[in-house]
Amino acid sequence: MTSALLDEVVRAAVRDARHAPSSHNAQPWQAVIAGSPEARAALMTLGDDVLVEKNTAFIVVALDPARCLSALPAHRIEMLVSAGAYLESLFVALDAGGLAVSVVWRSGDEGAEKLSALTPGWEPVALVAARRGSGPVTEASLRRRTLLAMRRTHRGAYRRDPIAPSALASLSDAASLAFPGSRDLCELVLLTDAGVRATVGHLLREHGAIEFTHAAAWAETYAHIRFDDSVLAGDGLPIEALLAKPLPHWQKRLLATALSPGAMRALAPLGLARAITAATAQNIAASPLLVYLRFRANDPPPSACLAGGALVQSVWLALAEHGLVLHPVSVLLQHDTLRATLDGRIGQNGGRGFFLARAGSPVDTSCPFAPRRVLEPRRA
């Protein structure tokens, strides 16, 4: 594989990976191709794992502070998990391009300052090495890449039919390409019991209004809601995707006013926040499956957060293979007391939950989906 072809495959993979999920669809990641003699010389000082060979491409994945959520302490983990989901998507795309891929540096390893010099203004979280693979591209690899664009978040109603055993088995077996040891760091819990789902729904009905009444968090969320198609920026949450249905222009403008931070402060005491939460709580109880991912450690290091995000994407792709969708319910994990209450009520002990979502087959498959920006990697 020539250097030019390798570069073309890498750039295409960076674009394909844009379909990764992220909190608020903020897409907080950036990518840098480290190809200059100066950049590659800097990589050589990172350690023995970084073998700077001629036909190897190096991609630095970084968090962009300007795109990161920060209103809650839990958002730090969410941003690292989002970056991990992007890393997994990048691996899937590079693998389908015929490349052998590995993470040779991750956040927490020595040498962060050397990579920071290649990503000014951004926080490097991983260094990926890609070189020509030793065998032909498999059908499974090509299928995984197709699933990147098929993966969906769907906030509407789901069919009540139980999840097929084959789909549950696929979820249980889901494994990360980027972090093969992610299951050692994270636990996947599949909640199919109707009583447990009702318990989670009841907890959300009781306390979920905090998503709208926490002033800083709601202001940040509102800034990511897109009410007007003409200003879609390739990121954020279109209001039609949030409500899982098309809306006339006048209704979008009405919602833009009603959901604004100022209006929410005035209307929340009158029950608006609880009414919105009640609809999601009802959907949780009626969904056939809840997917819960938990760190085995109470205070996971950044590298474990990246591995957790990669596992989230692996599970989501396994769902997409079976025509199933997810709707994350982050608010129950973003506040320590709520997260502890959740774990206590559903019998989970130790560790830290970081991803909770309802899963199923949507009643209406025409739900609008969130846009994606086309990511062109920076060069260093």
Protein backbone atom coordinates (compact mmCIF):
# COMPACT_ATOMS: atom_id res chain seq x y z
CA MET A 1 0.00 0.00 0.00
CA THR A 2 1.53 3.32 -1.08
CA SER A 3 1.74 6.28 1.28
CA ALA A 4 -0.83 8.15 -0.81
CA LEU A 5 -3.31 5.26 -0.66
CA LEU A 6 -2.74 4.84 3.07
CA ASP A 7 -3.45 8.53 3.58
CA GLU A 8 -6.63 8.27 1.50
CA VAL A 9 -7.90 5.29 3.53
CA VAL A 10 -7.16 7.09 6.81
CA ARG A 11 -8.94 10.28 5.75
CA ALA A 12 -11.98 8.30 4.60
CA ALA A 13 -12.05 6.43 7.94
CA VAL A 14 -11.90 9.69 9.91
CA ARG A 15 -14.97 10.85 7.96
CA ASP A 16 -16.83 7.52 8.39
CA ALA A 17 -16.21 7.58 12.14
CA ARG A 18 -18.23 10.80 12.47
CA HIS A 19 -21.35 8.67 12.95
CA ALA A 20 -20.22 7.81 16.50
CA PRO A 21 -22.64 8.72 19.31
CA SER A 22 -21.90 11.52 21.78
CA SER A 23 -23.70 13.33 24.58
CA HIS A 24 -25.99 16.01 23.10
CA ASN A 25 -24.51 15.03 19.73
CA ALA A 26 -21.77 17.51 20.63
CA GLN A 27 -19.18 15.46 18.70
CA PRO A 28 -16.37 16.71 20.96
CA TRP A 29 -13.59 14.91 19.10
CA GLN A 30 -10.97 16.11 16.65
CA ALA A 31 -8.39 14.15 14.67
CA VAL A 32 -4.81 14.98 13.73
CA ILE A 33 -2.71 13.00 11.24
CA ALA A 34 0.86 13.12 12.52
CA GLY A 35 2.86 12.80 9.31
CA SER A 36 5.55 15.48 9.24
CA PRO A 37 9.17 14.57 10.08
CA GLU A 38 8.92 16.74 13.21
CA ALA A 39 5.70 15.07 14.37
CA ARG A 40 7.02 11.56 13.77
CA ALA A 41 10.25 12.43 15.60
CA ALA A 42 8.15 13.50 18.59
CA LEU A 43 6.23 10.22 18.47
CA MET A 44 9.46 8.23 18.65
CA THR A 45 10.05 9.61 22.16
CA LEU A 46 6.78 8.21 23.53
CA GLY A 47 8.09 4.72 24.20
CA ASP A 48 8.74 1.30 22.75
CA ASP A 49 5.09 0.75 21.79
CA VAL A 50 5.30 3.53 19.19
CA LEU A 51 7.24 2.09 16.26
CA VAL A 52 7.48 4.89 13.72
CA GLU A 53 7.75 2.93 10.48
CA LYS A 54 7.57 4.36 6.98
CA ASN A 55 4.23 2.83 5.98
CA THR A 56 2.44 3.51 9.24
CA ALA A 57 -0.09 6.30 9.70
CA PHE A 58 -0.55 7.90 13.12
CA ILE A 59 -3.81 9.56 14.12
CA VAL A 60 -4.11 11.58 17.31
CA VAL A 61 -7.68 11.64 18.63
CA ALA A 62 -8.31 14.66 20.82
CA LEU A 63 -11.08 16.36 22.77
CA ASP A 64 -11.93 19.91 21.70
CA PRO A 65 -12.76 21.94 24.85
CA ALA A 66 -14.93 24.25 22.75
CA ARG A 67 -17.18 21.28 21.93
CA CYS A 68 -17.17 19.58 25.34
CA LEU A 69 -20.03 19.65 27.83
CA SER A 70 -18.93 20.97 31.21
CA ALA A 71 -21.97 22.04 33.26
CA LEU A 72 -21.85 18.94 35.47
CA PRO A 73 -18.86 17.05 36.92
CA ALA A 74 -20.21 13.88 35.27
CA HIS A 75 -19.78 15.49 31.87
CA ARG A 76 -16.04 14.85 32.05
CA ILE A 77 -16.64 11.12 31.97
CA GLU A 78 -19.30 11.54 29.27
CA MET A 79 -16.86 13.39 27.02
CA LEU A 80 -14.20 10.69 27.43
CA VAL A 81 -16.84 8.01 26.78
CA SER A 82 -17.86 9.92 23.64
CA ALA A 83 -14.23 10.01 22.51
CA GLY A 84 -14.02 6.26 23.15
CA ALA A 85 -17.07 5.70 20.94
CA TYR A 86 -15.36 7.72 18.21
CA LEU A 87 -12.19 5.65 18.61
CA GLU A 88 -14.18 2.44 18.19
CA SER A 89 -15.83 3.84 15.07
CA LEU A 90 -12.43 4.86 13.69
CA PHE A 91 -11.13 1.34 14.28
CA VAL A 92 -14.15 -0.16 12.51
CA ALA A 93 -13.62 2.10 9.49
CA LEU A 94 -9.85 1.55 9.33
CA ASP A 95 -10.29 -2.22 9.69
CA ALA A 96 -12.74 -2.19 6.78
CA GLY A 97 -10.14 -0.28 4.78
CA GLY A 98 -7.72 -3.19 5.09
CA LEU A 99 -5.52 -1.73 7.82
CA ALA A 100 -4.16 -3.29 10.99
CA VAL A 101 -4.90 -0.84 13.81
CA SER A 102 -3.80 -0.42 17.42
CA VAL A 103 -3.98 2.15 20.21
CA VAL A 104 -0.34 2.85 21.10
CA TRP A 105 -0.92 5.69 23.58
CA ARG A 106 -3.94 6.72 25.65
CA SER A 107 -4.77 9.42 28.14
CA GLY A 108 -2.93 8.75 31.39
CA ASP A 109 0.21 7.37 29.72
CA GLU A 110 3.47 9.33 29.88
CA GLY A 111 4.21 11.82 27.13
CA ALA A 112 0.97 13.81 27.02
CA GLU A 113 2.90 17.05 26.63
CA LYS A 114 4.55 15.77 23.44
CA LEU A 115 1.19 14.96 21.86
CA SER A 116 -0.27 18.24 23.11
CA ALA A 117 2.31 20.02 20.99
CA LEU A 118 0.73 18.34 17.95
CA THR A 119 -2.83 19.29 18.99
CA PRO A 120 -2.64 22.93 20.15
CA GLY A 121 -5.88 23.96 21.85
CA TRP A 122 -7.11 20.36 22.08
CA GLU A 123 -6.57 17.59 24.64
CA PRO A 124 -5.04 14.41 23.16
CA VAL A 125 -6.71 11.26 24.48
CA ALA A 126 -5.33 8.52 22.21
CA LEU A 127 -2.75 7.82 19.52
CA VAL A 128 -3.74 5.29 16.87
CA ALA A 129 -1.30 3.49 14.56
CA ALA A 130 -2.55 2.07 11.26
CA ARG A 131 -0.61 0.03 8.76
CA ARG A 132 -1.41 -2.37 5.93
CA GLY A 133 -3.12 -5.52 7.16
CA SER A 134 -1.77 -8.99 6.53
CA GLY A 135 -4.92 -10.51 5.01
CA PRO A 136 -7.98 -9.70 2.90
CA VAL A 137 -10.80 -7.56 4.25
CA THR A 138 -13.58 -9.78 5.60
CA GLU A 139 -17.30 -9.47 4.99
CA ALA A 140 -17.76 -8.98 8.73
CA SER A 141 -15.43 -5.95 8.64
CA LEU A 142 -17.31 -4.39 5.73
CA ARG A 143 -20.64 -5.05 7.47
CA ARG A 144 -19.45 -3.35 10.66
CA ARG A 145 -18.52 -0.24 8.68
CA THR A 146 -21.99 -0.19 7.08
CA LEU A 147 -23.54 -0.35 10.54
CA LEU A 148 -21.80 2.89 11.56
CA ALA A 149 -24.29 4.91 9.51
CA MET A 150 -27.22 2.61 10.39
CA ARG A 151 -26.86 3.03 14.17
CA ARG A 152 -29.71 5.15 15.54
CA THR A 153 -30.89 6.99 18.61
CA HIS A 154 -34.69 6.90 18.72
CA ARG A 155 -36.67 8.69 21.43
CA GLY A 156 -40.13 7.53 20.34
CA ALA A 157 -42.20 4.54 21.42
CA TYR A 158 -40.87 0.99 21.00
CA ARG A 159 -42.72 -2.22 20.29
CA ARG A 160 -43.39 -4.24 23.41
CA ASP A 161 -42.24 -7.51 21.81
CA PRO A 162 -39.42 -9.18 23.79
CA ILE A 163 -35.94 -8.84 22.34
CA ALA A 164 -35.05 -11.97 20.33
CA PRO A 165 -32.63 -14.35 22.08
CA SER A 166 -30.25 -14.03 19.13
CA ALA A 167 -30.08 -10.26 19.62
CA LEU A 168 -29.51 -10.63 23.37
CA ALA A 169 -26.72 -13.08 22.63
CA SER A 170 -25.13 -10.62 20.21
CA LEU A 171 -25.22 -7.91 22.87
CA SER A 172 -23.72 -10.22 25.47
CA ASP A 173 -20.89 -11.11 23.05
CA ALA A 174 -20.25 -7.54 21.81
CA ALA A 175 -16.52 -6.79 21.93
CA SER A 176 -14.48 -3.69 21.20
CA LEU A 177 -11.91 -3.64 18.41
CA ALA A 178 -10.10 -0.64 19.88
CA PHE A 179 -9.98 -1.95 23.46
CA PRO A 180 -10.17 -5.76 23.47
CA GLY A 181 -9.87 -5.74 27.27
CA SER A 182 -12.83 -3.39 27.80
CA ARG A 183 -14.88 -6.15 29.48
CA ASP A 184 -12.22 -6.35 32.20
CA LEU A 185 -12.89 -2.68 32.97
CA CYS A 186 -16.64 -2.54 32.33
CA GLU A 187 -19.71 -4.63 33.03
CA LEU A 188 -22.67 -4.94 30.66
CA VAL A 189 -26.04 -5.48 32.37
CA LEU A 190 -29.09 -6.34 30.26
CA LEU A 191 -32.31 -5.58 32.17
CA THR A 192 -35.24 -7.48 30.65
CA ASP A 193 -37.41 -7.87 33.76
CA ALA A 194 -40.59 -5.78 33.53
CA GLY A 195 -40.50 -5.03 37.26
CA VAL A 196 -36.98 -3.64 37.03
CA ARG A 197 -37.89 -1.48 34.04
CA ALA A 198 -40.92 -0.16 35.94
CA THR A 199 -38.67 0.65 38.90
CA VAL A 200 -36.30 2.65 36.68
CA GLY A 201 -39.23 4.45 35.06
CA HIS A 202 -40.66 5.32 38.47
CA LEU A 203 -37.29 6.71 39.61
CA LEU A 204 -37.11 8.91 36.53
CA ARG A 205 -40.67 10.11 37.11
CA GLU A 206 -39.73 11.00 40.70
CA HIS A 207 -36.45 12.78 40.09
CA GLY A 208 -35.82 13.24 36.36
CA ALA A 209 -37.10 16.82 36.34
CA ILE A 210 -33.66 17.88 37.58
CA GLU A 211 -32.56 17.65 33.95
CA PHE A 212 -34.63 20.79 33.31
CA THR A 213 -34.40 22.53 36.68
CA HIS A 214 -30.60 22.44 37.05
CA ALA A 215 -29.98 25.89 35.57
CA ALA A 216 -26.44 25.41 34.22
CA ALA A 217 -27.08 21.95 32.82
CA TRP A 218 -30.32 22.94 31.09
CA ALA A 219 -28.75 26.10 29.61
CA GLU A 220 -26.02 23.91 28.09
CA THR A 221 -28.56 21.39 26.81
CA TYR A 222 -30.74 24.11 25.33
CA ALA A 223 -27.73 25.54 23.48
CA HIS A 224 -27.44 22.19 21.68
CA ILE A 225 -31.11 21.98 20.58
CA ARG A 226 -31.68 22.99 16.96
CA PHE A 227 -35.12 24.51 16.39
CA ASP A 228 -34.55 25.81 12.87
CA ASP A 229 -33.38 23.64 9.96
CA SER A 230 -31.73 26.64 8.36
CA VAL A 231 -29.16 26.87 11.17
CA LEU A 232 -28.30 23.18 11.51
CA ALA A 233 -24.57 23.10 12.10
CA GLY A 234 -23.95 19.39 11.63
CA ASP A 235 -24.17 18.79 15.37
CA GLY A 236 -26.58 19.19 18.24
CA LEU A 237 -30.11 17.85 18.66
CA PRO A 238 -32.85 18.80 16.18
CA ILE A 239 -36.08 19.29 18.10
CA GLU A 240 -37.82 16.83 15.76
CA ALA A 241 -35.31 14.14 16.73
CA LEU A 242 -35.88 14.88 20.42
CA LEU A 243 -39.64 14.51 20.04
CA ALA A 244 -39.36 11.70 17.47
CA LYS A 245 -41.77 13.30 15.02
CA PRO A 246 -41.90 16.02 12.34
CA LEU A 247 -43.10 19.44 13.48
CA PRO A 248 -44.45 22.49 11.63
CA HIS A 249 -42.33 25.62 11.75
CA TRP A 250 -44.68 27.47 14.09
CA GLN A 251 -44.51 24.68 16.65
CA LYS A 252 -40.73 24.65 16.57
CA ARG A 253 -40.70 28.38 17.31
CA LEU A 254 -43.20 27.94 20.12
CA LEU A 255 -41.03 25.21 21.66
CA ALA A 256 -37.93 27.37 21.28
CA THR A 257 -39.60 29.90 23.56
CA ALA A 258 -41.24 27.46 25.99
CA LEU A 259 -38.06 25.44 26.53
CA SER A 260 -35.70 28.41 26.88
CA PRO A 261 -33.86 28.57 30.21
CA GLY A 262 -35.82 31.64 31.32
CA ALA A 263 -39.18 30.10 30.48
CA MET A 264 -38.21 26.79 32.07
CA ARG A 265 -37.35 28.54 35.33
CA ALA A 266 -40.82 30.07 35.33
CA LEU A 267 -42.77 27.02 34.13
CA ALA A 268 -40.94 24.23 35.99
CA PRO A 269 -42.74 24.94 39.30
CA LEU A 270 -46.02 24.64 37.40
CA GLY A 271 -45.19 21.09 36.37
CA LEU A 272 -43.72 21.43 32.85
CA ALA A 273 -40.47 19.62 33.71
CA ARG A 274 -42.30 16.78 35.44
CA ALA A 275 -44.71 16.41 32.52
CA ILE A 276 -41.85 16.08 30.03
CA THR A 277 -40.08 13.57 32.27
CA ALA A 278 -43.25 11.51 32.76
CA ALA A 279 -43.45 10.72 29.05
CA THR A 280 -39.90 9.33 29.03
CA ALA A 281 -40.56 7.40 32.23
CA GLN A 282 -43.57 5.75 30.61
CA ASN A 283 -41.48 4.78 27.59
CA ILE A 284 -38.80 3.26 29.84
CA ALA A 285 -41.31 1.04 31.59
CA ALA A 286 -42.86 -0.03 28.26
CA SER A 287 -39.55 -0.78 26.48
CA PRO A 288 -38.50 -4.44 26.29
CA LEU A 289 -34.89 -3.89 27.38
CA LEU A 290 -32.65 -1.55 29.35
CA VAL A 291 -28.93 -1.58 28.60
CA TYR A 292 -26.74 -0.58 31.56
CA LEU A 293 -22.97 -0.24 31.34
CA ARG A 294 -20.92 0.16 34.49
CA PHE A 295 -17.26 0.70 35.30
CA ARG A 296 -15.92 -1.90 37.68
CA ALA A 297 -13.99 0.88 39.48
CA ASN A 298 -15.69 3.65 41.42
CA ASP A 299 -13.26 6.25 40.07
CA PRO A 300 -12.27 5.07 36.58
CA PRO A 301 -9.12 6.51 34.98
CA PRO A 302 -9.39 8.23 31.58
CA SER A 303 -8.21 5.10 29.76
CA ALA A 304 -11.09 3.10 31.28
CA CYS A 305 -13.54 5.80 30.20
CA LEU A 306 -12.26 5.52 26.63
CA ALA A 307 -12.62 1.73 26.77
CA GLY A 308 -16.15 2.17 28.13
CA GLY A 309 -17.09 4.41 25.23
CA ALA A 310 -15.69 1.88 22.77
CA LEU A 311 -17.83 -0.82 24.38
CA VAL A 312 -20.91 1.43 24.18
CA GLN A 313 -20.41 1.74 20.43
CA SER A 314 -19.81 -2.01 20.06
CA VAL A 315 -23.09 -2.75 21.84
CA TRP A 316 -24.92 -0.12 19.76
CA LEU A 317 -23.61 -1.63 16.51
CA ALA A 318 -24.71 -5.08 17.68
CA LEU A 319 -28.20 -3.66 18.23
CA ALA A 320 -28.17 -2.03 14.79
CA GLU A 321 -27.36 -5.40 13.23
CA HIS A 322 -30.71 -6.63 14.55
CA GLY A 323 -32.66 -3.50 13.53
CA LEU A 324 -32.83 -2.21 17.10
CA VAL A 325 -32.26 1.31 18.45
CA LEU A 326 -31.30 2.99 21.73
CA HIS A 327 -32.45 6.00 23.73
CA PRO A 328 -29.88 6.99 26.39
CA VAL A 329 -31.26 8.20 29.73
CA SER A 330 -28.28 10.07 31.12
CA VAL A 331 -29.89 12.11 33.89
CA LEU A 332 -30.08 9.16 36.31
CA LEU A 333 -26.29 8.77 36.10
CA GLN A 334 -25.22 12.41 36.09
CA HIS A 335 -25.96 13.05 39.77
CA ASP A 336 -24.29 10.97 42.49
CA THR A 337 -27.36 10.57 44.69
CA LEU A 338 -29.58 9.54 41.78
CA ARG A 339 -27.00 7.06 40.50
CA ALA A 340 -26.66 5.52 43.96
CA THR A 341 -30.44 5.31 44.31
CA LEU A 342 -30.73 3.65 40.90
CA ASP A 343 -28.12 1.03 41.77
CA GLY A 344 -29.75 0.36 45.11
CA ARG A 345 -33.20 -0.16 43.62
CA ILE A 346 -32.08 -2.52 40.87
CA GLY A 347 -29.54 -4.45 42.92
CA GLN A 348 -26.24 -3.25 41.43
CA ASN A 349 -23.34 -2.94 43.86
CA GLY A 350 -19.85 -1.48 43.49
CA GLY A 351 -18.40 0.31 40.49
CA ARG A 352 -19.95 3.27 38.71
CA GLY A 353 -22.70 3.32 36.10
CA PHE A 354 -21.89 5.42 33.04
CA PHE A 355 -24.40 4.51 30.33
CA LEU A 356 -28.09 3.67 30.66
CA ALA A 357 -30.47 3.37 27.72
CA ARG A 358 -33.72 1.77 26.72
CA ALA A 359 -33.54 -0.47 23.66
CA GLY A 360 -36.05 -1.93 21.25
CA SER A 361 -37.68 -1.81 17.84
CA PRO A 362 -39.27 1.59 17.12
CA VAL A 363 -42.98 1.78 16.34
CA ASP A 364 -42.30 4.58 13.85
CA THR A 365 -39.08 4.04 11.91
CA SER A 366 -39.25 7.42 10.16
CA CYS A 367 -37.94 9.35 13.18
CA PRO A 368 -35.62 12.23 12.15
CA PHE A 369 -31.98 11.65 13.04
CA ALA A 370 -29.30 14.02 14.29
CA PRO A 371 -26.89 15.53 11.75
CA ARG A 372 -23.15 14.92 11.59
CA ARG A 373 -20.38 17.34 10.71
CA VAL A 374 -17.82 16.18 8.17
CA LEU A 375 -14.54 15.94 10.05
CA GLU A 376 -11.44 16.78 8.08
CA PRO A 377 -8.32 15.85 10.05
CA ARG A 378 -5.74 18.46 10.85
CA ARG A 379 -2.15 17.67 9.80
CA ALA A 380 0.89 17.94 12.00
